[in-house]
């Protein structure tokens, strides 16, 4: 596991825009992260984490996977860009102090374009899911 103090070694985002705490697992086909919602999060309104943070949480889970694999091979960590989000479903907005578990699965990868499916769970229920197309920059 990679904990919060080191998670920014794997992703390009910086506070206050970091939406994952821990890389729980990572392999060639996917990754899992966890994230505890804090009251001072920029996407919290009325005690709930809103939609943009859930989408960003999925994207950062994918970024942490790439960052981890690159670090393992002593390669620079690339910057990724969301190219498209499809089939986005938001079932619930989780509350402050709840823990999210996010899982991404690689559906297809061609050169610097990766298509993932992602889901965010809270208390054992899926709160958000989508398919995402991510482009990686050749420049770290």
C-alpha atoms as a PDB file:
ATOM      1  CA  UNK A   1       0.000   0.000   0.000  1.00  0.00           C
ATOM      2  CA  UNK A   2       1.056   3.566  -0.702  1.00  0.00           C
ATOM      3  CA  UNK A   3      -0.158   5.956   1.984  1.00  0.00           C
ATOM      4  CA  UNK A   4      -1.231   9.585   1.781  1.00  0.00           C
ATOM      5  CA  UNK A   5       2.168  11.169   2.372  1.00  0.00           C
ATOM      6  CA  UNK A   6       3.509   9.356  -0.710  1.00  0.00           C
ATOM      7  CA  UNK A   7       0.435   9.329  -2.948  1.00  0.00           C
ATOM      8  CA  UNK A   8       1.469  12.631  -4.556  1.00  0.00           C
ATOM      9  CA  UNK A   9       4.612  10.867  -5.807  1.00  0.00           C
ATOM     10  CA  UNK A  10       2.276   8.875  -8.078  1.00  0.00           C
ATOM     11  CA  UNK A  11      -0.191  11.506  -9.305  1.00  0.00           C
ATOM     12  CA  UNK A  12       0.211  14.988 -10.786  1.00  0.00           C
ATOM     13  CA  UNK A  13      -2.519  16.569  -8.626  1.00  0.00           C
ATOM     14  CA  UNK A  14      -1.648  18.593  -5.549  1.00  0.00           C
ATOM     15  CA  UNK A  15      -3.629  19.865  -2.568  1.00  0.00           C
ATOM     16  CA  UNK A  16      -6.387  20.852  -2.416  1.00  0.00           C
ATOM     17  CA  UNK A  17      -7.215  18.731  -5.466  1.00  0.00           C
ATOM     18  CA  UNK A  18      -6.033  15.298  -4.249  1.00  0.00           C
ATOM     19  CA  UNK A  19      -9.031  12.935  -4.146  1.00  0.00           C
ATOM     20  CA  UNK A  20      -7.314   9.680  -3.080  1.00  0.00           C
ATOM     21  CA  UNK A  21      -5.463   8.788   0.125  1.00  0.00           C
ATOM     22  CA  UNK A  22      -4.133   5.268  -0.356  1.00  0.00           C
ATOM     23  CA  UNK A  23      -3.269   3.035  -3.285  1.00  0.00           C
ATOM     24  CA  UNK A  24      -4.554  -0.261  -1.899  1.00  0.00           C
ATOM     25  CA  UNK A  25      -3.689  -2.528  -4.841  1.00  0.00           C
ATOM     26  CA  UNK A  26      -2.312  -2.201  -8.332  1.00  0.00           C
ATOM     27  CA  UNK A  27      -1.573  -4.517 -11.257  1.00  0.00           C
ATOM     28  CA  UNK A  28      -1.509  -4.596 -15.045  1.00  0.00           C
ATOM     29  CA  UNK A  29      -5.308  -4.719 -15.317  1.00  0.00           C
ATOM     30  CA  UNK A  30      -6.468  -2.286 -12.653  1.00  0.00           C
ATOM     31  CA  UNK A  31      -6.133  -0.619  -9.275  1.00  0.00           C
ATOM     32  CA  UNK A  32      -7.974   0.082  -6.036  1.00  0.00           C
ATOM     33  CA  UNK A  33      -7.718   3.186  -3.833  1.00  0.00           C
ATOM     34  CA  UNK A  34      -9.324   4.513  -0.678  1.00  0.00           C
ATOM     35  CA  UNK A  35     -10.262   8.061   0.272  1.00  0.00           C
ATOM     36  CA  UNK A  36     -11.744   9.528   3.430  1.00  0.00           C
ATOM     37  CA  UNK A  37     -13.922  12.578   2.830  1.00  0.00           C
ATOM     38  CA  UNK A  38     -12.875  15.545   4.928  1.00  0.00           C
ATOM     39  CA  UNK A  39     -15.005  18.540   5.790  1.00  0.00           C
ATOM     40  CA  UNK A  40     -12.511  20.976   4.216  1.00  0.00           C
ATOM     41  CA  UNK A  41     -12.572  19.213   0.813  1.00  0.00           C
ATOM     42  CA  UNK A  42     -13.182  21.776  -1.949  1.00  0.00           C
ATOM     43  CA  UNK A  43     -16.019  19.635  -3.359  1.00  0.00           C
ATOM     44  CA  UNK A  44     -17.955  19.271  -0.088  1.00  0.00           C
ATOM     45  CA  UNK A  45     -21.202  21.210   0.150  1.00  0.00           C
ATOM     46  CA  UNK A  46     -23.747  20.780   2.927  1.00  0.00           C
ATOM     47  CA  UNK A  47     -21.763  17.852   4.322  1.00  0.00           C
ATOM     48  CA  UNK A  48     -21.757  15.877   1.045  1.00  0.00           C
ATOM     49  CA  UNK A  49     -19.050  15.198  -1.555  1.00  0.00           C
ATOM     50  CA  UNK A  50     -20.334  16.310  -4.951  1.00  0.00           C
ATOM     51  CA  UNK A  51     -20.175  14.805  -8.433  1.00  0.00           C
ATOM     52  CA  UNK A  52     -16.947  16.367  -9.773  1.00  0.00           C
ATOM     53  CA  UNK A  53     -14.977  14.853  -6.894  1.00  0.00           C
ATOM     54  CA  UNK A  54     -16.339  11.378  -7.636  1.00  0.00           C
ATOM     55  CA  UNK A  55     -15.268  11.622 -11.278  1.00  0.00           C
ATOM     56  CA  UNK A  56     -11.872  12.988 -10.255  1.00  0.00           C
ATOM     57  CA  UNK A  57     -11.508  10.192  -7.694  1.00  0.00           C
ATOM     58  CA  UNK A  58     -11.876   7.613 -10.484  1.00  0.00           C
ATOM     59  CA  UNK A  59      -9.398   9.486 -12.696  1.00  0.00           C
ATOM     60  CA  UNK A  60      -6.846   9.771  -9.866  1.00  0.00           C
ATOM     61  CA  UNK A  61      -7.164   6.052  -9.162  1.00  0.00           C
ATOM     62  CA  UNK A  62      -6.172   5.436 -12.792  1.00  0.00           C
ATOM     63  CA  UNK A  63      -3.339   7.979 -12.450  1.00  0.00           C
ATOM     64  CA  UNK A  64      -2.035   6.307  -9.285  1.00  0.00           C
ATOM     65  CA  UNK A  65      -1.909   2.966 -11.131  1.00  0.00           C
ATOM     66  CA  UNK A  66       0.170   4.452 -13.951  1.00  0.00           C
ATOM     67  CA  UNK A  67       2.382   6.313 -11.490  1.00  0.00           C
ATOM     68  CA  UNK A  68       3.012   3.186  -9.439  1.00  0.00           C
ATOM     69  CA  UNK A  69       3.898   1.092 -12.493  1.00  0.00           C
ATOM     70  CA  UNK A  70       6.209   3.828 -13.824  1.00  0.00           C
ATOM     71  CA  UNK A  71       7.973   4.214 -10.460  1.00  0.00           C
ATOM     72  CA  UNK A  72       8.483   0.436 -10.318  1.00  0.00           C
ATOM     73  CA  UNK A  73      10.314   0.663 -13.657  1.00  0.00           C
ATOM     74  CA  UNK A  74      12.211   3.858 -12.720  1.00  0.00           C
ATOM     75  CA  UNK A  75      10.378   5.811 -15.417  1.00  0.00           C
ATOM     76  CA  UNK A  76       9.016   9.347 -15.046  1.00  0.00           C
ATOM     77  CA  UNK A  77       5.360   9.582 -14.061  1.00  0.00           C
ATOM     78  CA  UNK A  78       3.358  10.957 -17.025  1.00  0.00           C
ATOM     79  CA  UNK A  79       0.504  13.446 -16.831  1.00  0.00           C
ATOM     80  CA  UNK A  80      -2.882  12.157 -17.918  1.00  0.00           C
ATOM     81  CA  UNK A  81      -5.896  14.000 -19.294  1.00  0.00           C
ATOM     82  CA  UNK A  82      -9.516  12.915 -19.248  1.00  0.00           C
ATOM     83  CA  UNK A  83     -10.590  12.719 -22.880  1.00  0.00           C
ATOM     84  CA  UNK A  84     -14.158  11.537 -22.343  1.00  0.00           C
ATOM     85  CA  UNK A  85     -16.504  10.316 -19.641  1.00  0.00           C
ATOM     86  CA  UNK A  86     -19.313   8.004 -20.687  1.00  0.00           C
ATOM     87  CA  UNK A  87     -22.123   6.193 -18.919  1.00  0.00           C
ATOM     88  CA  UNK A  88     -21.684   8.270 -15.758  1.00  0.00           C
ATOM     89  CA  UNK A  89     -24.071   7.169 -13.019  1.00  0.00           C
ATOM     90  CA  UNK A  90     -24.211   8.924  -9.649  1.00  0.00           C
ATOM     91  CA  UNK A  91     -26.335   6.945  -7.191  1.00  0.00           C
ATOM     92  CA  UNK A  92     -25.578   8.855  -4.012  1.00  0.00           C
ATOM     93  CA  UNK A  93     -23.449  11.674  -2.648  1.00  0.00           C
ATOM     94  CA  UNK A  94     -21.344  10.348   0.246  1.00  0.00           C
ATOM     95  CA  UNK A  95     -21.003  12.309   3.473  1.00  0.00           C
ATOM     96  CA  UNK A  96     -18.070  13.841   5.310  1.00  0.00           C
ATOM     97  CA  UNK A  97     -15.976  11.269   7.240  1.00  0.00           C
ATOM     98  CA  UNK A  98     -17.123   8.383   5.045  1.00  0.00           C
ATOM     99  CA  UNK A  99     -14.507   6.261   3.290  1.00  0.00           C
ATOM    100  CA  UNK A 100     -14.661   5.641  -0.440  1.00  0.00           C
ATOM    101  CA  UNK A 101     -13.170   2.596  -2.111  1.00  0.00           C
ATOM    102  CA  UNK A 102     -12.564   3.055  -5.819  1.00  0.00           C
ATOM    103  CA  UNK A 103     -11.712   0.386  -8.340  1.00  0.00           C
ATOM    104  CA  UNK A 104     -10.691   0.850 -11.952  1.00  0.00           C
ATOM    105  CA  UNK A 105     -10.325  -1.831 -14.591  1.00  0.00           C
ATOM    106  CA  UNK A 106      -8.475  -1.396 -17.875  1.00  0.00           C
ATOM    107  CA  UNK A 107     -10.844  -2.150 -20.746  1.00  0.00           C
ATOM    108  CA  UNK A 108      -8.536  -1.243 -23.611  1.00  0.00           C
ATOM    109  CA  UNK A 109      -5.153   0.378 -24.080  1.00  0.00           C
ATOM    110  CA  UNK A 110      -3.658   1.533 -27.360  1.00  0.00           C
ATOM    111  CA  UNK A 111      -0.440   3.561 -27.285  1.00  0.00           C
ATOM    112  CA  UNK A 112      -1.089   6.546 -24.974  1.00  0.00           C
ATOM    113  CA  UNK A 113      -4.875   6.110 -24.772  1.00  0.00           C
ATOM    114  CA  UNK A 114      -6.488   3.990 -22.081  1.00  0.00           C
ATOM    115  CA  UNK A 115     -10.170   3.222 -21.626  1.00  0.00           C
ATOM    116  CA  UNK A 116     -11.141   2.293 -18.087  1.00  0.00           C
ATOM    117  CA  UNK A 117     -14.267   1.390 -16.226  1.00  0.00           C
ATOM    118  CA  UNK A 118     -14.437   2.750 -12.711  1.00  0.00           C
ATOM    119  CA  UNK A 119     -16.685   2.453  -9.701  1.00  0.00           C
ATOM    120  CA  UNK A 120     -16.738   4.183  -6.347  1.00  0.00           C
ATOM    121  CA  UNK A 121     -18.194   2.371  -3.350  1.00  0.00           C
ATOM    122  CA  UNK A 122     -19.159   3.648   0.088  1.00  0.00           C
ATOM    123  CA  UNK A 123     -20.492   1.414   2.865  1.00  0.00           C
ATOM    124  CA  UNK A 124     -20.623  -1.478   0.377  1.00  0.00           C
ATOM    125  CA  UNK A 125     -22.832   0.374  -2.120  1.00  0.00           C
ATOM    126  CA  UNK A 126     -21.827   1.764  -5.526  1.00  0.00           C
ATOM    127  CA  UNK A 127     -22.173   5.558  -5.335  1.00  0.00           C
ATOM    128  CA  UNK A 128     -20.713   6.342  -8.779  1.00  0.00           C
ATOM    129  CA  UNK A 129     -19.551   4.557 -11.903  1.00  0.00           C
ATOM    130  CA  UNK A 130     -18.429   5.468 -15.394  1.00  0.00           C
ATOM    131  CA  UNK A 131     -16.257   4.646 -18.351  1.00  0.00           C
ATOM    132  CA  UNK A 132     -13.393   7.039 -18.982  1.00  0.00           C
ATOM    133  CA  UNK A 133     -10.964   7.636 -21.825  1.00  0.00           C
ATOM    134  CA  UNK A 134      -7.604   8.883 -20.575  1.00  0.00           C
ATOM    135  CA  UNK A 135      -4.753  10.280 -22.671  1.00  0.00           C
ATOM    136  CA  UNK A 136      -1.197  10.196 -21.359  1.00  0.00           C
ATOM    137  CA  UNK A 137       1.258  12.936 -22.232  1.00  0.00           C
ATOM    138  CA  UNK A 138       4.725  11.957 -23.390  1.00  0.00           C
ATOM    139  CA  UNK A 139       6.037  14.790 -21.241  1.00  0.00           C
ATOM    140  CA  UNK A 140       6.281  14.062 -17.478  1.00  0.00           C
END
